Amino acid sequence: MSFEPYAARTQEKMREVLMTPDAQGPAIHYYMVRGGSKKRNITILEPGTVGGEYIKTYGHYHIGNLDETYWFLSGEGIVLQQKLIDPTQPEVVEEFKAIRVNAGDSVYMPPGYGHLMVNTGPTWLVMEDDSPVDGADDSASMPGHADYEGVKKMHGFAYYVVERDGAPALVANPLYTEVRNADLGGLTITA
């Protein structure tokens, strides 16, 4: 099998991590072009909401001591980062952060932190990253350096980013039992 650089994340796959899994959404939530070892990766998120939740990436934790940087090329959104107390207890979050981003911004993803991106604007959210996706055994859709199982088990991160009165807000994911430290980036928590 050769390395395939393109993948799309479908509504069907995203149901695993949506606040409202049965809500209608676009056929494709986002597109990924993986550059391998010589080029950076590009991700493009559709605008809009699914059941009131803004379109987002699936979210994952890195395997090993891997960091990553995202550069935002177009649009506006929110980066969610969270670090677990213990990977065997995905329901307990040591630290949660919501970081607002616009075109021209960059965000560093430290080792041990899960992350996902949310498109809160009316146009594409386009970003570039330096994640190491390469080789015949690596998938553009679910790269080998990323762990998606904890996010899938918890049906998303500790908070969902939703549209309330025309602006982003947070809704707590009821599957999480504790969030010890939270920087909500100025967002309010709503029901």
N, C-alpha and C. Protein backbone atom coordinates (compact mmCIF):
# COMPACT_ATOMS: atom_id res chain seq x y z
N MET A 1 0.84 -1.18 0.00
CA MET A 1 0.00 0.00 0.00
C MET A 1 0.89 1.25 0.00
N SER A 2 0.61 2.18 -0.88
CA SER A 2 1.38 3.41 -0.92
C SER A 2 0.70 4.48 -0.06
N PHE A 3 1.46 5.49 0.31
CA PHE A 3 0.95 6.59 1.12
C PHE A 3 -0.07 7.39 0.33
N GLU A 4 -1.25 7.57 0.87
CA GLU A 4 -2.29 8.39 0.25
C GLU A 4 -2.35 9.73 0.97
N PRO A 5 -2.08 10.84 0.29
CA PRO A 5 -1.98 12.13 0.98
C PRO A 5 -3.31 12.80 1.30
N TYR A 6 -4.43 12.34 0.74
CA TYR A 6 -5.70 13.03 0.92
C TYR A 6 -6.68 12.17 1.70
N ALA A 7 -7.45 12.81 2.59
CA ALA A 7 -8.54 12.14 3.29
C ALA A 7 -9.60 13.18 3.63
N ALA A 8 -10.82 12.73 3.83
CA ALA A 8 -11.91 13.60 4.24
C ALA A 8 -12.58 12.97 5.46
N ARG A 9 -13.01 13.81 6.40
CA ARG A 9 -13.70 13.31 7.58
C ARG A 9 -15.20 13.50 7.37
N THR A 10 -15.91 12.40 7.32
CA THR A 10 -17.33 12.41 6.98
C THR A 10 -18.22 12.64 8.20
N GLN A 11 -19.46 13.01 7.91
CA GLN A 11 -20.48 13.14 8.95
C GLN A 11 -20.63 11.83 9.70
N GLU A 12 -20.60 10.72 8.99
CA GLU A 12 -20.77 9.42 9.63
C GLU A 12 -19.67 9.16 10.67
N LYS A 13 -18.42 9.44 10.33
CA LYS A 13 -17.31 9.25 11.27
C LYS A 13 -17.39 10.24 12.43
N MET A 14 -17.79 11.48 12.15
CA MET A 14 -17.84 12.52 13.18
C MET A 14 -18.94 12.26 14.21
N ARG A 15 -19.95 11.46 13.87
CA ARG A 15 -21.02 11.15 14.84
C ARG A 15 -20.45 10.62 16.16
N GLU A 16 -19.27 9.97 16.09
CA GLU A 16 -18.65 9.39 17.29
C GLU A 16 -18.27 10.44 18.33
N VAL A 17 -18.08 11.69 17.91
CA VAL A 17 -17.59 12.73 18.82
C VAL A 17 -18.49 13.97 18.87
N LEU A 18 -19.66 13.90 18.29
CA LEU A 18 -20.57 15.05 18.29
C LEU A 18 -21.41 15.10 19.56
N MET A 19 -21.76 16.31 19.98
CA MET A 19 -22.63 16.52 21.11
C MET A 19 -24.01 15.90 20.84
N THR A 20 -24.48 16.04 19.59
CA THR A 20 -25.76 15.48 19.17
C THR A 20 -25.51 14.58 17.96
N PRO A 21 -25.18 13.31 18.20
CA PRO A 21 -24.75 12.42 17.10
C PRO A 21 -25.78 12.24 15.99
N ASP A 22 -27.07 12.38 16.30
CA ASP A 22 -28.10 12.16 15.29
C ASP A 22 -28.46 13.41 14.51
N ALA A 23 -27.83 14.55 14.83
CA ALA A 23 -28.13 15.80 14.13
C ALA A 23 -27.64 15.73 12.68
N GLN A 24 -28.33 16.43 11.81
CA GLN A 24 -27.93 16.49 10.40
C GLN A 24 -26.72 17.40 10.25
N GLY A 25 -25.83 17.03 9.35
CA GLY A 25 -24.65 17.84 9.08
C GLY A 25 -24.21 17.65 7.65
N PRO A 26 -23.17 18.35 7.25
CA PRO A 26 -22.68 18.19 5.88
C PRO A 26 -22.08 16.80 5.67
N ALA A 27 -22.06 16.34 4.45
CA ALA A 27 -21.49 15.01 4.15
C ALA A 27 -20.03 14.95 4.59
N ILE A 28 -19.29 16.04 4.38
CA ILE A 28 -17.88 16.13 4.77
C ILE A 28 -17.72 17.30 5.74
N HIS A 29 -17.10 17.06 6.88
CA HIS A 29 -16.85 18.13 7.86
C HIS A 29 -15.53 18.84 7.58
N TYR A 30 -14.50 18.04 7.19
CA TYR A 30 -13.21 18.67 6.87
C TYR A 30 -12.38 17.78 5.97
N TYR A 31 -11.39 18.44 5.36
CA TYR A 31 -10.53 17.83 4.36
C TYR A 31 -9.08 17.90 4.85
N MET A 32 -8.32 16.85 4.58
CA MET A 32 -6.92 16.78 5.02
C MET A 32 -6.03 16.43 3.84
N VAL A 33 -4.96 17.20 3.67
CA VAL A 33 -3.93 16.89 2.69
C VAL A 33 -2.64 16.76 3.49
N ARG A 34 -2.06 15.58 3.49
CA ARG A 34 -0.86 15.30 4.29
C ARG A 34 0.37 15.38 3.41
N GLY A 35 1.36 16.10 3.89
CA GLY A 35 2.53 16.40 3.08
C GLY A 35 3.68 15.43 3.20
N GLY A 36 3.59 14.46 4.10
CA GLY A 36 4.72 13.56 4.27
C GLY A 36 5.86 14.25 4.98
N SER A 37 7.07 13.76 4.81
CA SER A 37 8.22 14.30 5.55
C SER A 37 8.78 15.59 4.95
N LYS A 38 8.41 15.94 3.73
CA LYS A 38 9.01 17.08 3.06
C LYS A 38 8.11 18.32 3.00
N LYS A 39 6.82 18.17 3.30
CA LYS A 39 5.88 19.28 3.22
C LYS A 39 4.99 19.28 4.46
N ARG A 40 4.45 20.42 4.77
CA ARG A 40 3.50 20.49 5.87
C ARG A 40 2.13 19.96 5.43
N ASN A 41 1.26 19.77 6.41
CA ASN A 41 -0.08 19.26 6.18
C ASN A 41 -1.08 20.42 6.16
N ILE A 42 -2.14 20.26 5.41
CA ILE A 42 -3.19 21.27 5.32
C ILE A 42 -4.51 20.63 5.74
N THR A 43 -5.28 21.34 6.57
CA THR A 43 -6.61 20.91 6.97
C THR A 43 -7.57 22.06 6.71
N ILE A 44 -8.73 21.75 6.13
CA ILE A 44 -9.73 22.75 5.78
C ILE A 44 -11.06 22.32 6.37
N LEU A 45 -11.61 23.15 7.28
CA LEU A 45 -12.89 22.85 7.92
C LEU A 45 -14.01 23.63 7.27
N GLU A 46 -15.13 22.95 7.06
CA GLU A 46 -16.35 23.60 6.59
C GLU A 46 -16.86 24.56 7.65
N PRO A 47 -17.56 25.63 7.27
CA PRO A 47 -18.25 26.46 8.25
C PRO A 47 -19.60 25.84 8.59
N GLY A 48 -20.19 26.28 9.69
CA GLY A 48 -21.53 25.84 10.04
C GLY A 48 -21.59 25.09 11.36
N THR A 49 -22.77 24.58 11.66
CA THR A 49 -23.00 23.85 12.90
C THR A 49 -23.71 22.54 12.61
N VAL A 50 -23.59 21.62 13.56
CA VAL A 50 -24.29 20.34 13.53
C VAL A 50 -24.99 20.21 14.88
N GLY A 51 -26.31 20.34 14.88
CA GLY A 51 -27.04 20.29 16.14
C GLY A 51 -26.66 21.42 17.08
N GLY A 52 -26.28 22.57 16.53
CA GLY A 52 -25.88 23.72 17.33
C GLY A 52 -24.40 23.76 17.65
N GLU A 53 -23.69 22.65 17.43
CA GLU A 53 -22.25 22.58 17.71
C GLU A 53 -21.49 22.98 16.44
N TYR A 54 -20.49 23.87 16.60
CA TYR A 54 -19.69 24.27 15.46
C TYR A 54 -18.92 23.08 14.89
N ILE A 55 -18.71 23.09 13.58
CA ILE A 55 -17.92 22.06 12.90
C ILE A 55 -16.51 22.06 13.50
N LYS A 56 -15.98 20.87 13.73
CA LYS A 56 -14.68 20.71 14.40
C LYS A 56 -13.94 19.54 13.80
N THR A 57 -12.66 19.42 14.17
CA THR A 57 -11.91 18.21 13.84
C THR A 57 -12.24 17.15 14.89
N TYR A 58 -11.92 15.92 14.60
CA TYR A 58 -12.25 14.78 15.47
C TYR A 58 -11.58 14.92 16.83
N GLY A 59 -10.32 15.32 16.86
CA GLY A 59 -9.55 15.44 18.09
C GLY A 59 -8.77 14.18 18.38
N HIS A 60 -7.56 14.35 18.93
CA HIS A 60 -6.72 13.20 19.26
C HIS A 60 -5.63 13.61 20.25
N TYR A 61 -5.01 12.60 20.82
CA TYR A 61 -3.82 12.75 21.66
C TYR A 61 -2.65 12.19 20.88
N HIS A 62 -1.46 12.74 21.06
CA HIS A 62 -0.28 12.19 20.40
C HIS A 62 0.27 11.02 21.20
N ILE A 63 0.79 10.06 20.48
CA ILE A 63 1.47 8.91 21.08
C ILE A 63 2.94 9.30 21.25
N GLY A 64 3.47 9.10 22.44
CA GLY A 64 4.87 9.44 22.69
C GLY A 64 5.05 10.91 23.01
N ASN A 65 6.28 11.38 22.90
CA ASN A 65 6.65 12.73 23.29
C ASN A 65 6.64 13.66 22.07
N LEU A 66 5.54 13.70 21.38
CA LEU A 66 5.43 14.44 20.13
C LEU A 66 4.72 15.77 20.35
N ASP A 67 5.31 16.85 19.84
CA ASP A 67 4.64 18.14 19.84
C ASP A 67 4.28 18.51 18.41
N GLU A 68 3.59 19.64 18.27
CA GLU A 68 3.11 20.03 16.95
C GLU A 68 2.75 21.51 17.00
N THR A 69 2.85 22.19 15.87
CA THR A 69 2.43 23.58 15.76
C THR A 69 1.42 23.69 14.62
N TYR A 70 0.38 24.48 14.86
CA TYR A 70 -0.61 24.80 13.84
C TYR A 70 -0.48 26.27 13.48
N TRP A 71 -0.51 26.56 12.18
CA TRP A 71 -0.51 27.92 11.67
C TRP A 71 -1.86 28.12 10.98
N PHE A 72 -2.57 29.18 11.36
CA PHE A 72 -3.91 29.42 10.82
C PHE A 72 -3.81 30.38 9.64
N LEU A 73 -4.22 29.90 8.48
CA LEU A 73 -4.03 30.62 7.22
C LEU A 73 -5.25 31.43 6.82
N SER A 74 -6.44 31.00 7.23
CA SER A 74 -7.67 31.67 6.83
C SER A 74 -8.76 31.33 7.82
N GLY A 75 -9.67 32.27 8.04
CA GLY A 75 -10.82 32.02 8.88
C GLY A 75 -10.61 32.37 10.34
N GLU A 76 -11.55 31.90 11.15
CA GLU A 76 -11.48 32.13 12.59
C GLU A 76 -12.02 30.89 13.30
N GLY A 77 -11.49 30.65 14.49
CA GLY A 77 -11.93 29.47 15.20
C GLY A 77 -11.44 29.43 16.63
N ILE A 78 -11.53 28.25 17.19
CA ILE A 78 -11.10 28.00 18.57
C ILE A 78 -10.33 26.68 18.58
N VAL A 79 -9.19 26.70 19.24
CA VAL A 79 -8.42 25.47 19.48
C VAL A 79 -8.77 24.99 20.88
N LEU A 80 -9.10 23.73 21.01
CA LEU A 80 -9.29 23.12 22.32
C LEU A 80 -8.10 22.22 22.60
N GLN A 81 -7.52 22.38 23.78
CA GLN A 81 -6.44 21.51 24.24
C GLN A 81 -6.84 20.94 25.59
N GLN A 82 -6.50 19.69 25.82
CA GLN A 82 -6.72 19.13 27.15
C GLN A 82 -5.68 18.07 27.44
N LYS A 83 -5.30 18.02 28.72
CA LYS A 83 -4.34 17.04 29.19
C LYS A 83 -5.02 16.22 30.27
N LEU A 84 -4.93 14.90 30.14
CA LEU A 84 -5.54 14.01 31.11
C LEU A 84 -4.63 13.79 32.30
N ILE A 85 -5.20 13.50 33.44
CA ILE A 85 -4.43 13.12 34.63
C ILE A 85 -3.70 11.81 34.34
N ASP A 86 -4.42 10.88 33.70
CA ASP A 86 -3.91 9.54 33.42
C ASP A 86 -4.64 9.03 32.17
N PRO A 87 -3.92 8.61 31.13
CA PRO A 87 -4.58 8.15 29.91
C PRO A 87 -5.55 6.98 30.12
N THR A 88 -5.38 6.23 31.21
CA THR A 88 -6.30 5.13 31.49
C THR A 88 -7.60 5.62 32.14
N GLN A 89 -7.64 6.92 32.48
CA GLN A 89 -8.85 7.53 33.04
C GLN A 89 -9.23 8.74 32.19
N PRO A 90 -9.78 8.53 31.00
CA PRO A 90 -10.04 9.65 30.09
C PRO A 90 -11.13 10.61 30.59
N GLU A 91 -11.81 10.26 31.66
CA GLU A 91 -12.87 11.12 32.17
C GLU A 91 -12.38 12.21 33.13
N VAL A 92 -11.08 12.19 33.49
CA VAL A 92 -10.52 13.18 34.41
C VAL A 92 -9.47 14.01 33.68
N VAL A 93 -9.75 15.32 33.55
CA VAL A 93 -8.88 16.24 32.82
C VAL A 93 -8.07 17.07 33.81
N GLU A 94 -6.75 17.05 33.63
CA GLU A 94 -5.87 17.87 34.46
C GLU A 94 -5.96 19.34 34.05
N GLU A 95 -5.92 19.59 32.73
CA GLU A 95 -5.94 20.97 32.23
C GLU A 95 -6.71 21.04 30.93
N PHE A 96 -7.56 22.06 30.81
CA PHE A 96 -8.34 22.32 29.60
C PHE A 96 -8.11 23.76 29.20
N LYS A 97 -7.94 24.00 27.88
CA LYS A 97 -7.75 25.36 27.35
C LYS A 97 -8.60 25.54 26.10
N ALA A 98 -9.21 26.72 25.99
CA ALA A 98 -9.87 27.15 24.76
C ALA A 98 -9.11 28.38 24.28
N ILE A 99 -8.61 28.33 23.05
CA ILE A 99 -7.76 29.40 22.51
C ILE A 99 -8.40 29.91 21.22
N ARG A 100 -8.80 31.18 21.22
CA ARG A 100 -9.37 31.78 20.00
C ARG A 100 -8.26 32.03 18.99
N VAL A 101 -8.55 31.77 17.71
CA VAL A 101 -7.55 31.97 16.65
C VAL A 101 -8.18 32.66 15.45
N ASN A 102 -7.33 33.39 14.74
CA ASN A 102 -7.67 34.03 13.48
C ASN A 102 -6.52 33.79 12.50
N ALA A 103 -6.77 34.11 11.23
CA ALA A 103 -5.72 34.00 10.22
C ALA A 103 -4.49 34.75 10.69
N GLY A 104 -3.31 34.13 10.57
CA GLY A 104 -2.05 34.72 11.00
C GLY A 104 -1.58 34.24 12.36
N ASP A 105 -2.46 33.59 13.12
CA ASP A 105 -2.09 33.08 14.44
C ASP A 105 -1.43 31.70 14.32
N SER A 106 -0.70 31.32 15.35
CA SER A 106 -0.18 29.96 15.47
C SER A 106 -0.40 29.48 16.90
N VAL A 107 -0.54 28.17 17.05
CA VAL A 107 -0.74 27.57 18.37
C VAL A 107 0.15 26.35 18.48
N TYR A 108 0.86 26.28 19.58
CA TYR A 108 1.75 25.15 19.88
C TYR A 108 0.97 24.10 20.66
N MET A 109 1.09 22.84 20.24
CA MET A 109 0.46 21.71 20.91
C MET A 109 1.56 20.95 21.66
N PRO A 110 1.64 21.13 23.00
CA PRO A 110 2.70 20.46 23.76
C PRO A 110 2.51 18.94 23.79
N PRO A 111 3.58 18.19 24.03
CA PRO A 111 3.45 16.75 24.19
C PRO A 111 2.46 16.43 25.31
N GLY A 112 1.68 15.40 25.13
CA GLY A 112 0.74 14.96 26.16
C GLY A 112 -0.61 15.64 26.13
N TYR A 113 -0.78 16.63 25.27
CA TYR A 113 -2.06 17.34 25.19
C TYR A 113 -2.86 16.84 23.99
N GLY A 114 -4.13 16.57 24.22
CA GLY A 114 -5.05 16.33 23.12
C GLY A 114 -5.43 17.67 22.53
N HIS A 115 -5.83 17.66 21.27
CA HIS A 115 -6.24 18.91 20.64
C HIS A 115 -7.22 18.67 19.51
N LEU A 116 -8.05 19.69 19.30
CA LEU A 116 -8.94 19.73 18.15
C LEU A 116 -9.18 21.18 17.79
N MET A 117 -9.61 21.42 16.56
CA MET A 117 -9.88 22.75 16.05
C MET A 117 -11.37 22.88 15.75
N VAL A 118 -11.91 24.09 15.97
CA VAL A 118 -13.33 24.37 15.77
C VAL A 118 -13.44 25.58 14.85
N ASN A 119 -14.28 25.48 13.82
CA ASN A 119 -14.51 26.60 12.91
C ASN A 119 -15.70 27.40 13.41
N THR A 120 -15.47 28.60 13.94
CA THR A 120 -16.55 29.45 14.45
C THR A 120 -16.89 30.59 13.49
N GLY A 121 -16.26 30.62 12.34
CA GLY A 121 -16.49 31.70 11.38
C GLY A 121 -17.41 31.32 10.25
N PRO A 122 -17.72 32.29 9.37
CA PRO A 122 -18.64 32.05 8.25
C PRO A 122 -17.97 31.47 7.00
N THR A 123 -16.64 31.33 7.02
CA THR A 123 -15.91 30.82 5.86
C THR A 123 -15.07 29.62 6.28
N TRP A 124 -14.32 29.06 5.34
CA TRP A 124 -13.39 27.97 5.66
C TRP A 124 -12.47 28.36 6.82
N LEU A 125 -12.11 27.41 7.65
CA LEU A 125 -10.98 27.56 8.58
C LEU A 125 -9.88 26.70 7.98
N VAL A 126 -8.78 27.35 7.60
CA VAL A 126 -7.68 26.66 6.93
C VAL A 126 -6.44 26.73 7.81
N MET A 127 -5.81 25.58 8.03
CA MET A 127 -4.61 25.56 8.86
C MET A 127 -3.57 24.64 8.27
N GLU A 128 -2.34 24.93 8.66
CA GLU A 128 -1.17 24.15 8.25
C GLU A 128 -0.53 23.64 9.53
N ASP A 129 -0.01 22.41 9.49
CA ASP A 129 0.66 21.88 10.68
C ASP A 129 1.89 21.08 10.30
N ASP A 130 2.73 20.83 11.30
CA ASP A 130 3.97 20.10 11.07
C ASP A 130 3.94 18.69 11.65
N SER A 131 2.76 18.09 11.71
CA SER A 131 2.61 16.74 12.22
C SER A 131 3.29 15.74 11.28
N PRO A 132 4.01 14.76 11.81
CA PRO A 132 4.76 13.82 10.96
C PRO A 132 3.89 12.69 10.43
N VAL A 133 3.27 12.91 9.28
CA VAL A 133 2.47 11.86 8.63
C VAL A 133 3.20 11.44 7.37
N ASP A 134 3.64 10.18 7.31
CA ASP A 134 4.45 9.76 6.18
C ASP A 134 4.51 8.24 6.13
N GLY A 135 4.67 7.70 4.96
CA GLY A 135 4.94 6.28 4.82
C GLY A 135 3.72 5.45 4.49
N ALA A 136 3.94 4.28 3.93
CA ALA A 136 2.87 3.40 3.48
C ALA A 136 2.00 2.91 4.63
N ASP A 137 2.54 2.81 5.84
CA ASP A 137 1.76 2.32 6.97
C ASP A 137 1.04 3.43 7.72
N ASP A 138 1.17 4.67 7.25
CA ASP A 138 0.52 5.81 7.90
C ASP A 138 -0.68 6.21 7.07
N SER A 139 -1.74 6.63 7.73
CA SER A 139 -2.96 7.00 7.06
C SER A 139 -3.15 8.51 7.12
N ALA A 140 -3.53 9.11 6.02
CA ALA A 140 -3.83 10.54 6.02
C ALA A 140 -5.03 10.83 6.90
N SER A 141 -5.95 9.86 7.00
CA SER A 141 -7.15 10.05 7.78
C SER A 141 -6.93 9.82 9.27
N MET A 142 -6.25 8.76 9.64
CA MET A 142 -5.99 8.42 11.04
C MET A 142 -4.52 8.08 11.19
N PRO A 143 -3.64 9.10 11.27
CA PRO A 143 -2.20 8.84 11.30
C PRO A 143 -1.78 8.02 12.52
N GLY A 144 -0.71 7.25 12.33
CA GLY A 144 -0.24 6.32 13.35
C GLY A 144 0.28 6.96 14.61
N HIS A 145 0.67 8.23 14.59
CA HIS A 145 1.20 8.90 15.78
C HIS A 145 0.10 9.45 16.68
N ALA A 146 -1.16 9.29 16.28
CA ALA A 146 -2.27 9.89 17.00
C ALA A 146 -3.18 8.82 17.60
N ASP A 147 -3.63 9.07 18.83
CA ASP A 147 -4.56 8.18 19.52
C ASP A 147 -5.93 8.83 19.53
N TYR A 148 -6.87 8.23 18.84
CA TYR A 148 -8.24 8.74 18.74
C TYR A 148 -9.20 8.03 19.70
N GLU A 149 -8.77 6.92 20.28
CA GLU A 149 -9.67 6.08 21.07
C GLU A 149 -10.22 6.76 22.32
N GLY A 150 -9.37 7.51 23.05
CA GLY A 150 -9.84 8.20 24.25
C GLY A 150 -10.91 9.23 23.93
N VAL A 151 -10.72 9.95 22.81
CA VAL A 151 -11.70 10.96 22.39
C VAL A 151 -12.99 10.26 21.97
N LYS A 152 -12.87 9.17 21.24
CA LYS A 152 -14.05 8.41 20.81
C LYS A 152 -14.81 7.88 22.03
N LYS A 153 -14.10 7.31 22.98
CA LYS A 153 -14.74 6.75 24.19
C LYS A 153 -15.55 7.80 24.94
N MET A 154 -15.02 9.04 24.97
CA MET A 154 -15.67 10.13 25.72
C MET A 154 -16.61 10.96 24.84
N HIS A 155 -16.78 10.56 23.59
CA HIS A 155 -17.65 11.27 22.64
C HIS A 155 -17.26 12.75 22.52
N GLY A 156 -15.95 13.00 22.46
CA GLY A 156 -15.45 14.36 22.29
C GLY A 156 -14.60 14.80 23.47
N PHE A 157 -14.31 16.09 23.50
CA PHE A 157 -13.50 16.68 24.58
C PHE A 157 -14.40 17.05 25.75
N ALA A 158 -13.81 17.62 26.79
CA ALA A 158 -14.54 17.96 28.02
C ALA A 158 -15.64 18.99 27.78
N TYR A 159 -15.48 19.83 26.75
CA TYR A 159 -16.50 20.81 26.39
C TYR A 159 -16.74 20.77 24.89
N TYR A 160 -17.98 21.03 24.51
CA TYR A 160 -18.35 21.23 23.11
C TYR A 160 -18.45 22.73 22.86
N VAL A 161 -18.07 23.19 21.67
CA VAL A 161 -18.20 24.61 21.32
C VAL A 161 -19.47 24.74 20.49
N VAL A 162 -20.42 25.51 21.04
CA VAL A 162 -21.74 25.66 20.43
C VAL A 162 -22.00 27.12 20.08
N GLU A 163 -22.98 27.33 19.20
CA GLU A 163 -23.41 28.68 18.85
C GLU A 163 -24.56 29.06 19.79
N ARG A 164 -24.40 30.16 20.51
CA ARG A 164 -25.45 30.71 21.38
C ARG A 164 -25.56 32.20 21.10
N ASP A 165 -26.73 32.62 20.62
CA ASP A 165 -26.99 34.02 20.32
C ASP A 165 -25.93 34.60 19.37
N GLY A 166 -25.52 33.82 18.38
CA GLY A 166 -24.60 34.28 17.36
C GLY A 166 -23.13 34.27 17.74
N ALA A 167 -22.80 33.69 18.90
CA ALA A 167 -21.41 33.67 19.36
C ALA A 167 -21.08 32.30 19.93
N PRO A 168 -19.78 31.94 19.97
CA PRO A 168 -19.40 30.66 20.54
C PRO A 168 -19.55 30.64 22.07
N ALA A 169 -19.95 29.50 22.59
CA ALA A 169 -20.03 29.24 24.02
C ALA A 169 -19.67 27.77 24.23
N LEU A 170 -19.52 27.37 25.47
CA LEU A 170 -19.15 25.99 25.80
C LEU A 170 -20.30 25.26 26.48
N VAL A 171 -20.42 23.98 26.17
CA VAL A 171 -21.34 23.08 26.86
C VAL A 171 -20.49 21.94 27.40
N ALA A 172 -20.64 21.66 28.70
CA ALA A 172 -19.87 20.59 29.33
C ALA A 172 -20.30 19.23 28.79
N ASN A 173 -19.33 18.38 28.51
CA ASN A 173 -19.58 17.00 28.10
C ASN A 173 -19.84 16.20 29.39
N PRO A 174 -21.04 15.65 29.56
CA PRO A 174 -21.40 14.99 30.82
C PRO A 174 -20.62 13.71 31.12
N LEU A 175 -19.88 13.18 30.16
CA LEU A 175 -19.11 11.96 30.40
C LEU A 175 -17.84 12.22 31.21
N TYR A 176 -17.40 13.47 31.24
CA TYR A 176 -16.21 13.82 32.03
C TYR A 176 -16.63 14.07 33.48
N THR A 177 -15.90 13.49 34.43
CA THR A 177 -16.25 13.62 35.84
C THR A 177 -15.54 14.78 36.52
N GLU A 178 -14.40 15.22 35.96
CA GLU A 178 -13.64 16.30 36.60
C GLU A 178 -12.75 17.00 35.59
N VAL A 179 -12.75 18.34 35.68
CA VAL A 179 -11.80 19.19 34.95
C VAL A 179 -11.13 20.04 36.03
N ARG A 180 -9.87 19.74 36.33
CA ARG A 180 -9.20 20.37 37.48
C ARG A 180 -8.82 21.82 37.24
N ASN A 181 -8.30 22.12 36.05
CA ASN A 181 -7.91 23.49 35.71
C ASN A 181 -8.45 23.81 34.33
N ALA A 182 -9.08 24.99 34.21
CA ALA A 182 -9.67 25.36 32.92
C ALA A 182 -9.41 26.82 32.61
N ASP A 183 -8.91 27.07 31.41
CA ASP A 183 -8.80 28.41 30.85
C ASP A 183 -9.77 28.43 29.68
N LEU A 184 -10.91 29.05 29.88
CA LEU A 184 -11.99 29.00 28.91
C LEU A 184 -11.86 30.03 27.79
N GLY A 185 -10.77 30.77 27.78
CA GLY A 185 -10.52 31.73 26.70
C GLY A 185 -11.60 32.79 26.55
N GLY A 186 -12.25 33.14 27.66
CA GLY A 186 -13.30 34.15 27.61
C GLY A 186 -14.66 33.62 27.20
N LEU A 187 -14.76 32.33 26.92
CA LEU A 187 -16.06 31.75 26.54
C LEU A 187 -16.89 31.46 27.79
N THR A 188 -18.19 31.55 27.65
CA THR A 188 -19.08 31.22 28.76
C THR A 188 -19.53 29.77 28.66
N ILE A 189 -19.87 29.19 29.79
CA ILE A 189 -20.43 27.84 29.83
C ILE A 189 -21.95 27.98 29.86
N THR A 190 -22.60 27.26 28.98
CA THR A 190 -24.05 27.32 28.86
C THR A 190 -24.61 25.90 28.91
N ALA A 191 -25.91 25.81 29.06
CA ALA A 191 -26.56 24.48 29.10
C ALA A 191 -26.94 24.03 27.71
